């Protein structure tokens, strides 16, 4: 997490430089985002997703990122996804966007997400698909942020969630080109296998 804390300005600037890729990702998340209820983003970062999506609560281990997220109107707590500072059955939905590939214990993070979700609450996980063109590129490129990432494919995340009694899954994909090549907002499509960024959603039984 020191990578993000030390390079928080560079991280936040990526969304400016790759504006249409960022906006495309937002559109994919919106496809499964509940229109009502209280939401939490695990790994909220600088609030780039939470703020425009109307998610008011967040948790992140980076002090520098939290400062920016708070300026964007997010109620952020310093902490880790493996030990969420919230009571059981608190939130109607939870988003984990890109974050899952950077945490120490992905299973524990998902278990904690389930704990603080209300019954029938929704979990939304956004990933760079390990098996897609973009995932393969990032694994080879070893950028400052992705060099220590552990990438997942869709089946791996779905199987983890199924093992925790999540169900009613849906999938949306976007980013059909490299982020720097995208010059307009790309409409999300159902399913996966073509887009580099995939949103997986499921419900807590």
N, C-alpha and C. Protein backbone atom coordinates (compact mmCIF):
# COMPACT_ATOMS: atom_id res chain seq x y z
N UNK A 1 0.81 -1.21 0.00
CA UNK A 1 0.00 0.00 0.00
C UNK A 1 0.84 1.26 0.00
N UNK A 2 2.14 1.13 0.37
CA UNK A 2 3.02 2.30 0.32
C UNK A 2 3.15 2.84 -1.09
N UNK A 3 3.00 1.95 -2.08
CA UNK A 3 3.06 2.39 -3.48
C UNK A 3 2.01 3.45 -3.75
N UNK A 4 0.80 3.22 -3.26
CA UNK A 4 -0.29 4.16 -3.50
C UNK A 4 -0.14 5.41 -2.63
N UNK A 5 0.33 5.23 -1.40
CA UNK A 5 0.47 6.37 -0.51
C UNK A 5 1.55 7.32 -1.02
N UNK A 6 2.62 6.77 -1.58
CA UNK A 6 3.72 7.60 -2.09
C UNK A 6 3.42 8.20 -3.46
N UNK A 7 2.58 7.50 -4.22
CA UNK A 7 2.32 7.94 -5.60
C UNK A 7 0.85 8.34 -5.80
N UNK A 8 0.25 8.87 -4.77
CA UNK A 8 -1.18 9.19 -4.83
C UNK A 8 -1.52 10.24 -5.89
N UNK A 9 -0.62 11.18 -6.12
CA UNK A 9 -0.87 12.20 -7.14
C UNK A 9 -0.84 11.59 -8.54
N UNK A 10 0.13 10.72 -8.76
CA UNK A 10 0.23 10.04 -10.05
C UNK A 10 -0.98 9.15 -10.30
N UNK A 11 -1.43 8.46 -9.24
CA UNK A 11 -2.62 7.62 -9.33
C UNK A 11 -3.83 8.45 -9.74
N UNK A 12 -4.05 9.55 -9.04
CA UNK A 12 -5.23 10.37 -9.31
C UNK A 12 -5.19 11.00 -10.69
N UNK A 13 -3.98 11.36 -11.14
CA UNK A 13 -3.81 11.98 -12.44
C UNK A 13 -4.14 11.03 -13.59
N UNK A 14 -3.98 9.71 -13.35
CA UNK A 14 -4.29 8.71 -14.39
C UNK A 14 -5.71 8.90 -14.90
N UNK A 15 -6.63 9.23 -14.03
CA UNK A 15 -8.03 9.38 -14.42
C UNK A 15 -8.27 10.62 -15.27
N UNK A 16 -7.41 11.60 -15.13
CA UNK A 16 -7.48 12.78 -15.99
C UNK A 16 -6.91 12.46 -17.37
N UNK A 17 -5.78 11.77 -17.37
CA UNK A 17 -5.11 11.45 -18.64
C UNK A 17 -5.87 10.42 -19.45
N UNK A 18 -6.61 9.58 -18.79
CA UNK A 18 -7.37 8.51 -19.46
C UNK A 18 -8.87 8.69 -19.19
N UNK A 19 -9.32 9.90 -19.44
CA UNK A 19 -10.67 10.32 -19.08
C UNK A 19 -11.75 9.39 -19.60
N UNK A 20 -11.67 9.00 -20.87
CA UNK A 20 -12.76 8.23 -21.46
C UNK A 20 -12.73 6.76 -21.02
N UNK A 21 -11.56 6.26 -20.72
CA UNK A 21 -11.48 4.91 -20.14
C UNK A 21 -12.12 4.93 -18.76
N UNK A 22 -11.82 5.94 -17.99
CA UNK A 22 -12.38 6.11 -16.65
C UNK A 22 -13.91 6.24 -16.70
N UNK A 23 -14.40 7.08 -17.59
CA UNK A 23 -15.85 7.27 -17.71
C UNK A 23 -16.54 5.99 -18.19
N UNK A 24 -15.85 5.23 -19.00
CA UNK A 24 -16.39 3.94 -19.47
C UNK A 24 -16.52 2.96 -18.31
N UNK A 25 -15.51 2.94 -17.44
CA UNK A 25 -15.57 2.07 -16.26
C UNK A 25 -16.73 2.47 -15.35
N UNK A 26 -16.92 3.76 -15.18
CA UNK A 26 -18.04 4.24 -14.37
C UNK A 26 -19.38 3.75 -14.93
N UNK A 27 -19.52 3.81 -16.24
CA UNK A 27 -20.78 3.38 -16.87
C UNK A 27 -21.03 1.90 -16.63
N UNK A 28 -19.97 1.09 -16.63
CA UNK A 28 -20.13 -0.35 -16.40
C UNK A 28 -20.58 -0.61 -14.96
N UNK A 29 -20.01 0.12 -14.02
CA UNK A 29 -20.41 -0.05 -12.61
C UNK A 29 -21.86 0.38 -12.41
N UNK A 30 -22.25 1.46 -13.07
CA UNK A 30 -23.62 1.96 -12.94
C UNK A 30 -24.67 0.93 -13.35
N UNK A 31 -24.30 0.03 -14.24
CA UNK A 31 -25.24 -0.99 -14.72
C UNK A 31 -25.75 -1.89 -13.61
N UNK A 32 -24.94 -2.08 -12.57
CA UNK A 32 -25.33 -2.99 -11.49
C UNK A 32 -25.49 -2.27 -10.15
N UNK A 33 -25.23 -0.97 -10.12
CA UNK A 33 -25.28 -0.22 -8.87
C UNK A 33 -26.73 0.03 -8.45
N UNK A 34 -27.09 -0.33 -7.20
CA UNK A 34 -28.46 -0.05 -6.72
C UNK A 34 -28.75 1.44 -6.74
N UNK A 35 -29.98 1.80 -7.02
CA UNK A 35 -30.36 3.20 -7.09
C UNK A 35 -30.64 3.77 -5.71
N UNK A 36 -30.83 2.89 -4.73
CA UNK A 36 -31.10 3.34 -3.36
C UNK A 36 -30.23 2.57 -2.38
N UNK A 37 -30.23 3.08 -1.15
CA UNK A 37 -29.51 2.39 -0.09
C UNK A 37 -28.16 3.01 0.21
N UNK A 38 -27.57 2.58 1.30
CA UNK A 38 -26.27 3.08 1.73
C UNK A 38 -25.16 2.16 1.23
N UNK A 39 -24.18 2.74 0.56
CA UNK A 39 -23.09 1.96 -0.02
C UNK A 39 -21.74 2.24 0.62
N UNK A 40 -20.84 1.29 0.46
CA UNK A 40 -19.46 1.40 0.94
C UNK A 40 -18.52 1.00 -0.18
N UNK A 41 -17.44 1.76 -0.36
CA UNK A 41 -16.39 1.31 -1.27
C UNK A 41 -15.16 0.91 -0.47
N UNK A 42 -14.75 -0.35 -0.66
CA UNK A 42 -13.53 -0.85 -0.04
C UNK A 42 -12.37 -0.54 -0.98
N UNK A 43 -11.35 0.16 -0.46
CA UNK A 43 -10.27 0.63 -1.33
C UNK A 43 -10.73 1.85 -2.10
N UNK A 44 -11.30 2.81 -1.38
CA UNK A 44 -11.92 3.97 -2.01
C UNK A 44 -10.90 4.88 -2.69
N UNK A 45 -9.63 4.79 -2.28
CA UNK A 45 -8.59 5.60 -2.92
C UNK A 45 -8.88 7.09 -2.78
N UNK A 46 -8.80 7.80 -3.89
CA UNK A 46 -9.04 9.25 -3.90
C UNK A 46 -10.50 9.59 -4.15
N UNK A 47 -11.36 8.59 -4.16
CA UNK A 47 -12.79 8.83 -4.34
C UNK A 47 -13.24 8.96 -5.77
N UNK A 48 -12.38 8.56 -6.70
CA UNK A 48 -12.70 8.71 -8.12
C UNK A 48 -13.95 7.95 -8.56
N UNK A 49 -14.24 6.84 -7.89
CA UNK A 49 -15.45 6.09 -8.21
C UNK A 49 -16.58 6.44 -7.25
N UNK A 50 -16.29 6.46 -5.97
CA UNK A 50 -17.33 6.70 -4.97
C UNK A 50 -18.06 8.02 -5.19
N UNK A 51 -17.33 9.08 -5.43
CA UNK A 51 -17.94 10.41 -5.54
C UNK A 51 -18.97 10.49 -6.67
N UNK A 52 -18.62 10.16 -7.92
CA UNK A 52 -19.61 10.26 -8.99
C UNK A 52 -20.72 9.21 -8.91
N UNK A 53 -20.46 8.12 -8.20
CA UNK A 53 -21.47 7.07 -8.09
C UNK A 53 -22.40 7.28 -6.89
N UNK A 54 -22.13 8.29 -6.10
CA UNK A 54 -23.00 8.59 -4.96
C UNK A 54 -22.78 7.67 -3.76
N UNK A 55 -21.59 7.06 -3.68
CA UNK A 55 -21.25 6.20 -2.54
C UNK A 55 -20.64 7.09 -1.46
N UNK A 56 -21.29 7.14 -0.32
CA UNK A 56 -20.90 8.13 0.69
C UNK A 56 -19.87 7.64 1.70
N UNK A 57 -19.66 6.31 1.80
CA UNK A 57 -18.72 5.77 2.79
C UNK A 57 -17.58 5.03 2.10
N UNK A 58 -16.41 5.10 2.70
CA UNK A 58 -15.26 4.41 2.12
C UNK A 58 -14.24 4.04 3.17
N UNK A 59 -13.38 3.09 2.81
CA UNK A 59 -12.27 2.71 3.68
C UNK A 59 -11.03 2.52 2.82
N UNK A 60 -9.87 2.94 3.32
CA UNK A 60 -8.63 2.84 2.56
C UNK A 60 -7.45 2.96 3.52
N UNK A 61 -6.34 2.26 3.25
CA UNK A 61 -5.17 2.34 4.13
C UNK A 61 -4.22 3.50 3.83
N UNK A 62 -4.48 4.25 2.75
CA UNK A 62 -3.57 5.33 2.37
C UNK A 62 -4.04 6.68 2.93
N UNK A 63 -3.24 7.25 3.82
CA UNK A 63 -3.59 8.54 4.43
C UNK A 63 -3.66 9.65 3.38
N UNK A 64 -2.75 9.63 2.43
CA UNK A 64 -2.72 10.67 1.42
C UNK A 64 -3.92 10.60 0.48
N UNK A 65 -4.33 9.38 0.14
CA UNK A 65 -5.49 9.24 -0.72
C UNK A 65 -6.76 9.65 0.01
N UNK A 66 -6.85 9.28 1.27
CA UNK A 66 -8.03 9.61 2.07
C UNK A 66 -8.27 11.13 2.11
N UNK A 67 -7.20 11.89 2.20
CA UNK A 67 -7.33 13.35 2.23
C UNK A 67 -8.07 13.86 0.99
N UNK A 68 -7.74 13.30 -0.16
CA UNK A 68 -8.39 13.73 -1.41
C UNK A 68 -9.83 13.24 -1.45
N UNK A 69 -10.05 12.00 -1.03
CA UNK A 69 -11.41 11.45 -1.03
C UNK A 69 -12.34 12.27 -0.14
N UNK A 70 -11.84 12.71 1.00
CA UNK A 70 -12.65 13.53 1.90
C UNK A 70 -13.04 14.85 1.24
N UNK A 71 -12.11 15.42 0.47
CA UNK A 71 -12.42 16.67 -0.25
C UNK A 71 -13.49 16.44 -1.30
N UNK A 72 -13.63 15.19 -1.75
CA UNK A 72 -14.66 14.85 -2.74
C UNK A 72 -15.97 14.42 -2.07
N UNK A 73 -16.04 14.62 -0.76
CA UNK A 73 -17.29 14.41 -0.05
C UNK A 73 -17.53 13.01 0.49
N UNK A 74 -16.49 12.19 0.54
CA UNK A 74 -16.65 10.82 1.02
C UNK A 74 -16.31 10.75 2.51
N UNK A 75 -17.13 10.03 3.26
CA UNK A 75 -16.85 9.77 4.67
C UNK A 75 -15.91 8.56 4.73
N UNK A 76 -14.61 8.83 4.79
CA UNK A 76 -13.61 7.78 4.67
C UNK A 76 -13.00 7.44 6.03
N UNK A 77 -12.80 6.15 6.25
CA UNK A 77 -12.10 5.69 7.45
C UNK A 77 -10.79 5.03 7.03
N UNK A 78 -9.76 5.29 7.81
CA UNK A 78 -8.47 4.64 7.57
C UNK A 78 -8.57 3.19 8.02
N UNK A 79 -8.27 2.26 7.13
CA UNK A 79 -8.37 0.86 7.49
C UNK A 79 -8.15 -0.06 6.32
N UNK A 80 -8.26 -1.34 6.60
CA UNK A 80 -8.01 -2.37 5.59
C UNK A 80 -9.27 -3.19 5.34
N UNK A 81 -9.38 -3.69 4.12
CA UNK A 81 -10.53 -4.51 3.76
C UNK A 81 -10.63 -5.79 4.56
N UNK A 82 -9.50 -6.27 5.05
CA UNK A 82 -9.49 -7.51 5.84
C UNK A 82 -10.06 -7.31 7.26
N UNK A 83 -10.15 -6.06 7.70
CA UNK A 83 -10.68 -5.76 9.03
C UNK A 83 -11.52 -4.48 8.94
N UNK A 84 -12.69 -4.62 8.40
CA UNK A 84 -13.54 -3.45 8.20
C UNK A 84 -14.05 -2.88 9.52
N UNK A 85 -13.95 -1.57 9.70
CA UNK A 85 -14.37 -0.94 10.96
C UNK A 85 -15.86 -0.63 11.00
N UNK A 86 -16.68 -1.63 10.67
CA UNK A 86 -18.12 -1.45 10.64
C UNK A 86 -18.81 -2.65 11.28
N UNK A 87 -20.02 -2.43 11.76
CA UNK A 87 -20.80 -3.50 12.38
C UNK A 87 -21.40 -4.42 11.31
N UNK A 88 -21.84 -5.58 11.73
CA UNK A 88 -22.52 -6.52 10.84
C UNK A 88 -23.77 -5.89 10.23
N UNK A 89 -24.08 -6.28 9.00
CA UNK A 89 -25.34 -5.90 8.35
C UNK A 89 -25.57 -4.39 8.32
N UNK A 90 -24.54 -3.65 7.91
CA UNK A 90 -24.62 -2.18 7.90
C UNK A 90 -25.01 -1.62 6.54
N UNK A 91 -24.49 -2.19 5.44
CA UNK A 91 -24.63 -1.57 4.13
C UNK A 91 -25.56 -2.34 3.19
N UNK A 92 -26.18 -1.59 2.29
CA UNK A 92 -27.06 -2.18 1.27
C UNK A 92 -26.26 -2.72 0.09
N UNK A 93 -25.11 -2.11 -0.16
CA UNK A 93 -24.24 -2.60 -1.24
C UNK A 93 -22.79 -2.18 -0.97
N UNK A 94 -21.88 -2.93 -1.55
CA UNK A 94 -20.45 -2.67 -1.39
C UNK A 94 -19.77 -2.79 -2.74
N UNK A 95 -18.90 -1.84 -3.05
CA UNK A 95 -18.10 -1.92 -4.26
C UNK A 95 -16.63 -2.15 -3.91
N UNK A 96 -15.98 -2.97 -4.72
CA UNK A 96 -14.54 -3.22 -4.61
C UNK A 96 -14.00 -3.11 -6.03
N UNK A 97 -13.54 -1.93 -6.41
CA UNK A 97 -13.19 -1.66 -7.80
C UNK A 97 -11.67 -1.64 -7.97
N UNK A 98 -11.16 -2.61 -8.69
CA UNK A 98 -9.73 -2.84 -8.94
C UNK A 98 -8.98 -3.30 -7.68
N UNK A 99 -9.42 -2.85 -6.52
CA UNK A 99 -8.72 -3.08 -5.25
C UNK A 99 -8.38 -4.53 -4.97
N UNK A 100 -9.23 -5.46 -5.37
CA UNK A 100 -9.08 -6.86 -4.97
C UNK A 100 -7.73 -7.43 -5.41
N UNK A 101 -7.14 -6.90 -6.46
CA UNK A 101 -5.86 -7.45 -6.94
C UNK A 101 -4.66 -6.91 -6.15
N UNK A 102 -4.92 -5.98 -5.22
CA UNK A 102 -3.84 -5.40 -4.44
C UNK A 102 -3.85 -5.79 -2.96
N UNK A 103 -4.91 -6.45 -2.50
CA UNK A 103 -5.01 -6.76 -1.07
C UNK A 103 -4.18 -8.00 -0.73
N UNK A 104 -3.83 -8.13 0.56
CA UNK A 104 -3.03 -9.27 1.01
C UNK A 104 -3.84 -10.56 1.03
N UNK A 105 -5.12 -10.46 1.41
CA UNK A 105 -5.96 -11.65 1.58
C UNK A 105 -7.32 -11.42 0.93
N UNK A 106 -7.44 -11.65 -0.39
CA UNK A 106 -8.69 -11.40 -1.10
C UNK A 106 -9.90 -12.11 -0.49
N UNK A 107 -9.72 -13.36 -0.08
CA UNK A 107 -10.83 -14.10 0.51
C UNK A 107 -11.34 -13.42 1.78
N UNK A 108 -10.42 -12.98 2.63
CA UNK A 108 -10.81 -12.31 3.86
C UNK A 108 -11.54 -11.00 3.58
N UNK A 109 -11.09 -10.28 2.57
CA UNK A 109 -11.76 -9.02 2.20
C UNK A 109 -13.20 -9.29 1.78
N UNK A 110 -13.41 -10.32 0.98
CA UNK A 110 -14.76 -10.66 0.54
C UNK A 110 -15.61 -11.17 1.70
N UNK A 111 -15.00 -11.90 2.61
CA UNK A 111 -15.73 -12.36 3.80
C UNK A 111 -16.16 -11.18 4.67
N UNK A 112 -15.28 -10.21 4.82
CA UNK A 112 -15.60 -9.01 5.58
C UNK A 112 -16.70 -8.19 4.88
N UNK A 113 -16.62 -8.13 3.56
CA UNK A 113 -17.67 -7.44 2.81
C UNK A 113 -19.02 -8.10 3.06
N UNK A 114 -19.03 -9.43 3.05
CA UNK A 114 -20.28 -10.15 3.30
C UNK A 114 -20.79 -9.87 4.71
N UNK A 115 -19.90 -9.81 5.66
CA UNK A 115 -20.29 -9.57 7.06
C UNK A 115 -21.02 -8.24 7.23
N UNK A 116 -20.50 -7.19 6.59
CA UNK A 116 -21.10 -5.87 6.80
C UNK A 116 -22.25 -5.57 5.84
N UNK A 117 -22.51 -6.49 4.91
CA UNK A 117 -23.65 -6.35 4.01
C UNK A 117 -24.93 -6.81 4.69
N UNK A 118 -26.02 -6.12 4.39
CA UNK A 118 -27.33 -6.56 4.85
C UNK A 118 -27.79 -7.78 4.05
N UNK A 119 -28.77 -8.50 4.55
CA UNK A 119 -29.34 -9.62 3.81
C UNK A 119 -29.89 -9.11 2.49
N UNK A 120 -29.62 -9.84 1.42
CA UNK A 120 -29.99 -9.46 0.05
C UNK A 120 -29.20 -8.25 -0.45
N UNK A 121 -28.16 -7.86 0.29
CA UNK A 121 -27.30 -6.78 -0.16
C UNK A 121 -26.47 -7.21 -1.35
N UNK A 122 -25.98 -6.24 -2.09
CA UNK A 122 -25.25 -6.52 -3.33
C UNK A 122 -23.77 -6.23 -3.18
N UNK A 123 -22.95 -7.15 -3.69
CA UNK A 123 -21.51 -6.92 -3.78
C UNK A 123 -21.17 -6.68 -5.25
N UNK A 124 -20.30 -5.70 -5.50
CA UNK A 124 -19.91 -5.32 -6.86
C UNK A 124 -18.39 -5.28 -6.92
N UNK A 125 -17.82 -6.17 -7.72
CA UNK A 125 -16.36 -6.28 -7.83
C UNK A 125 -15.94 -5.93 -9.26
N UNK A 126 -15.13 -4.90 -9.41
CA UNK A 126 -14.61 -4.53 -10.72
C UNK A 126 -13.16 -4.96 -10.85
N UNK A 127 -12.83 -5.67 -11.92
CA UNK A 127 -11.46 -6.17 -12.09
C UNK A 127 -10.95 -5.94 -13.51
N UNK A 128 -9.64 -5.92 -13.62
CA UNK A 128 -8.99 -6.06 -14.92
C UNK A 128 -8.87 -7.57 -15.14
N UNK A 129 -9.60 -8.10 -16.09
CA UNK A 129 -9.65 -9.55 -16.32
C UNK A 129 -8.26 -10.11 -16.66
N UNK A 130 -7.81 -11.02 -15.83
CA UNK A 130 -6.48 -11.63 -16.03
C UNK A 130 -6.33 -12.27 -17.40
N UNK A 131 -7.43 -12.83 -17.91
CA UNK A 131 -7.38 -13.54 -19.19
C UNK A 131 -7.61 -12.63 -20.40
N UNK A 132 -7.93 -11.37 -20.16
CA UNK A 132 -8.20 -10.45 -21.26
C UNK A 132 -6.93 -9.78 -21.77
N UNK A 133 -7.05 -9.07 -22.87
CA UNK A 133 -5.88 -8.42 -23.50
C UNK A 133 -5.24 -7.41 -22.56
N UNK A 134 -6.06 -6.69 -21.79
CA UNK A 134 -5.52 -5.65 -20.92
C UNK A 134 -4.82 -6.27 -19.71
N UNK A 135 -5.42 -7.31 -19.15
CA UNK A 135 -4.79 -8.01 -18.03
C UNK A 135 -3.45 -8.60 -18.40
N UNK A 136 -3.38 -9.22 -19.58
CA UNK A 136 -2.13 -9.80 -20.04
C UNK A 136 -1.06 -8.73 -20.25
N UNK A 137 -1.50 -7.57 -20.75
CA UNK A 137 -0.57 -6.45 -20.97
C UNK A 137 -0.01 -5.93 -19.66
N UNK A 138 -0.89 -5.72 -18.67
CA UNK A 138 -0.44 -5.19 -17.38
C UNK A 138 0.47 -6.18 -16.65
N UNK A 139 0.22 -7.46 -16.82
CA UNK A 139 1.07 -8.46 -16.18
C UNK A 139 2.49 -8.44 -16.74
N UNK A 140 2.61 -8.11 -18.01
CA UNK A 140 3.93 -8.03 -18.65
C UNK A 140 4.59 -6.67 -18.41
N UNK A 141 3.79 -5.63 -18.41
CA UNK A 141 4.33 -4.28 -18.32
C UNK A 141 4.98 -4.00 -16.96
N UNK A 142 4.39 -4.54 -15.89
CA UNK A 142 4.93 -4.34 -14.54
C UNK A 142 5.05 -2.85 -14.21
N UNK A 143 3.95 -2.13 -14.33
CA UNK A 143 3.95 -0.70 -14.00
C UNK A 143 4.15 -0.49 -12.51
N UNK A 144 4.33 0.74 -12.12
CA UNK A 144 4.59 1.05 -10.72
C UNK A 144 3.46 0.56 -9.82
N UNK A 145 2.23 0.57 -10.33
CA UNK A 145 1.09 0.13 -9.52
C UNK A 145 0.81 -1.37 -9.67
N UNK A 146 0.99 -1.89 -10.86
CA UNK A 146 0.59 -3.29 -11.12
C UNK A 146 1.71 -4.31 -10.94
N UNK A 147 2.92 -3.86 -10.64
CA UNK A 147 4.03 -4.82 -10.58
C UNK A 147 3.88 -5.84 -9.44
N UNK A 148 3.11 -5.49 -8.41
CA UNK A 148 2.90 -6.42 -7.31
C UNK A 148 1.44 -6.91 -7.23
N UNK A 149 0.68 -6.61 -8.26
CA UNK A 149 -0.74 -7.01 -8.27
C UNK A 149 -0.89 -8.51 -8.51
N UNK A 150 -1.94 -9.07 -7.95
CA UNK A 150 -2.32 -10.46 -8.22
C UNK A 150 -3.63 -10.42 -8.99
N UNK A 151 -3.55 -10.70 -10.28
CA UNK A 151 -4.73 -10.59 -11.13
C UNK A 151 -5.63 -11.81 -11.00
N UNK A 152 -6.92 -11.58 -11.26
CA UNK A 152 -7.92 -12.64 -11.22
C UNK A 152 -8.69 -12.67 -12.54
N UNK A 153 -9.22 -13.86 -12.87
CA UNK A 153 -10.17 -13.90 -13.98
C UNK A 153 -11.58 -13.98 -13.41
N UNK A 154 -12.55 -14.00 -14.28
CA UNK A 154 -13.95 -13.92 -13.85
C UNK A 154 -14.36 -15.14 -13.06
N UNK A 155 -13.95 -16.29 -13.50
CA UNK A 155 -14.32 -17.54 -12.82
C UNK A 155 -13.77 -17.56 -11.39
N UNK A 156 -12.54 -17.10 -11.21
CA UNK A 156 -11.93 -17.12 -9.88
C UNK A 156 -12.71 -16.26 -8.89
N UNK A 157 -13.10 -15.05 -9.31
CA UNK A 157 -13.87 -14.18 -8.42
C UNK A 157 -15.25 -14.76 -8.18
N UNK A 158 -15.88 -15.27 -9.23
CA UNK A 158 -17.22 -15.84 -9.08
C UNK A 158 -17.20 -17.03 -8.14
N UNK A 159 -16.19 -17.89 -8.27
CA UNK A 159 -16.09 -19.07 -7.40
C UNK A 159 -15.89 -18.67 -5.93
N UNK A 160 -15.08 -17.65 -5.70
CA UNK A 160 -14.89 -17.15 -4.33
C UNK A 160 -16.22 -16.68 -3.75
N UNK A 161 -16.97 -15.94 -4.55
CA UNK A 161 -18.25 -15.40 -4.07
C UNK A 161 -19.29 -16.50 -3.88
N UNK A 162 -19.30 -17.47 -4.77
CA UNK A 162 -20.22 -18.60 -4.62
C UNK A 162 -19.94 -19.35 -3.33
N UNK A 163 -18.66 -19.50 -2.99
CA UNK A 163 -18.27 -20.19 -1.77
C UNK A 163 -18.71 -19.46 -0.51
N UNK A 164 -19.08 -18.19 -0.66
CA UNK A 164 -19.56 -17.39 0.48
C UNK A 164 -21.06 -17.17 0.41
N UNK A 165 -21.72 -17.99 -0.41
CA UNK A 165 -23.19 -17.97 -0.54
C UNK A 165 -23.73 -16.71 -1.19
N UNK A 166 -22.96 -16.12 -2.12
CA UNK A 166 -23.51 -15.08 -2.98
C UNK A 166 -24.15 -15.76 -4.18
N UNK A 167 -25.16 -15.11 -4.75
CA UNK A 167 -25.86 -15.69 -5.90
C UNK A 167 -26.39 -14.57 -6.80
N UNK A 168 -27.19 -14.95 -7.80
CA UNK A 168 -27.78 -13.99 -8.74
C UNK A 168 -26.71 -13.09 -9.38
N UNK A 169 -25.74 -13.71 -10.00
CA UNK A 169 -24.62 -12.98 -10.58
C UNK A 169 -24.98 -12.32 -11.91
N UNK A 170 -24.36 -11.18 -12.14
CA UNK A 170 -24.44 -10.52 -13.45
C UNK A 170 -23.08 -9.93 -13.78
N UNK A 171 -22.83 -9.75 -15.07
CA UNK A 171 -21.51 -9.34 -15.55
C UNK A 171 -21.66 -8.26 -16.63
N UNK A 172 -20.83 -7.23 -16.53
CA UNK A 172 -20.77 -6.20 -17.58
C UNK A 172 -19.30 -5.91 -17.86
N UNK A 173 -19.02 -5.63 -19.12
CA UNK A 173 -17.64 -5.40 -19.55
C UNK A 173 -17.52 -4.10 -20.35
N UNK A 174 -16.33 -3.55 -20.34
CA UNK A 174 -16.01 -2.37 -21.15
C UNK A 174 -14.49 -2.33 -21.35
N UNK A 175 -13.99 -1.29 -21.97
CA UNK A 175 -12.59 -1.11 -22.37
C UNK A 175 -12.19 -2.16 -23.41
N UNK A 176 -12.49 -1.85 -24.65
CA UNK A 176 -12.18 -2.75 -25.76
C UNK A 176 -10.90 -2.35 -26.48
N UNK A 177 -10.28 -1.28 -25.99
CA UNK A 177 -8.98 -0.83 -26.47
C UNK A 177 -8.14 -0.48 -25.25
N UNK A 178 -6.87 -0.20 -25.46
CA UNK A 178 -6.03 0.27 -24.36
C UNK A 178 -6.52 1.65 -23.91
N UNK A 179 -6.46 1.96 -22.62
CA UNK A 179 -7.01 3.21 -22.11
C UNK A 179 -6.60 4.46 -22.87
N UNK A 180 -5.33 4.57 -23.25
CA UNK A 180 -4.85 5.77 -23.95
C UNK A 180 -5.44 5.90 -25.35
N UNK A 181 -5.98 4.81 -25.90
CA UNK A 181 -6.53 4.82 -27.25
C UNK A 181 -8.03 5.12 -27.28
N UNK A 182 -8.66 5.17 -26.12
CA UNK A 182 -10.11 5.37 -26.05
C UNK A 182 -10.42 6.87 -26.10
N UNK A 183 -11.18 7.27 -27.12
CA UNK A 183 -11.45 8.69 -27.35
C UNK A 183 -12.91 9.08 -27.11
N UNK A 184 -13.73 8.15 -26.68
CA UNK A 184 -15.12 8.44 -26.33
C UNK A 184 -15.58 7.38 -25.34
N UNK A 185 -16.67 7.66 -24.65
CA UNK A 185 -17.17 6.72 -23.65
C UNK A 185 -17.69 5.46 -24.35
N UNK A 186 -17.21 4.31 -23.90
CA UNK A 186 -17.64 3.04 -24.48
C UNK A 186 -18.80 2.47 -23.68
N UNK A 187 -19.86 2.07 -24.39
CA UNK A 187 -21.02 1.52 -23.71
C UNK A 187 -20.70 0.14 -23.15
N UNK A 188 -21.09 -0.12 -21.91
CA UNK A 188 -20.85 -1.45 -21.34
C UNK A 188 -21.74 -2.50 -22.02
N UNK A 189 -21.20 -3.70 -22.14
CA UNK A 189 -21.94 -4.81 -22.71
C UNK A 189 -22.09 -5.91 -21.65
N UNK A 190 -23.18 -6.63 -21.74
CA UNK A 190 -23.37 -7.76 -20.83
C UNK A 190 -22.32 -8.83 -21.09
N UNK A 191 -21.97 -9.56 -20.03
CA UNK A 191 -21.04 -10.68 -20.18
C UNK A 191 -19.60 -10.27 -20.00
N UNK A 192 -18.71 -11.12 -20.48
CA UNK A 192 -17.27 -10.87 -20.37
C UNK A 192 -16.56 -11.64 -21.48
N UNK A 193 -15.27 -11.36 -21.66
CA UNK A 193 -14.50 -12.05 -22.68
C UNK A 193 -13.95 -11.14 -23.75
N UNK A 194 -14.52 -9.93 -23.86
CA UNK A 194 -14.03 -8.95 -24.84
C UNK A 194 -13.44 -7.71 -24.19
N UNK A 195 -14.09 -7.21 -23.16
CA UNK A 195 -13.63 -6.00 -22.50
C UNK A 195 -12.52 -6.28 -21.49
N UNK A 196 -11.62 -5.32 -21.34
CA UNK A 196 -10.52 -5.48 -20.40
C UNK A 196 -10.94 -5.29 -18.96
N UNK A 197 -12.00 -4.50 -18.76
CA UNK A 197 -12.52 -4.23 -17.42
C UNK A 197 -13.89 -4.89 -17.29
N UNK A 198 -14.06 -5.68 -16.23
CA UNK A 198 -15.30 -6.43 -16.04
C UNK A 198 -15.85 -6.17 -14.64
N UNK A 199 -17.15 -5.95 -14.56
CA UNK A 199 -17.84 -5.76 -13.30
C UNK A 199 -18.67 -7.01 -13.00
N UNK A 200 -18.45 -7.58 -11.83
CA UNK A 200 -19.15 -8.77 -11.38
C UNK A 200 -20.02 -8.37 -10.19
N UNK A 201 -21.30 -8.69 -10.23
CA UNK A 201 -22.15 -8.39 -9.08
C UNK A 201 -22.88 -9.64 -8.62
N UNK A 202 -23.10 -9.72 -7.33
CA UNK A 202 -23.84 -10.85 -6.74
C UNK A 202 -24.61 -10.37 -5.53
N UNK A 203 -25.52 -11.21 -5.04
CA UNK A 203 -26.35 -10.85 -3.89
C UNK A 203 -26.09 -11.79 -2.72
N UNK A 204 -26.13 -11.22 -1.52
CA UNK A 204 -25.95 -11.99 -0.30
C UNK A 204 -27.25 -12.72 0.02
N UNK A 205 -27.17 -14.04 0.15
CA UNK A 205 -28.36 -14.82 0.47
C UNK A 205 -28.79 -14.56 1.92
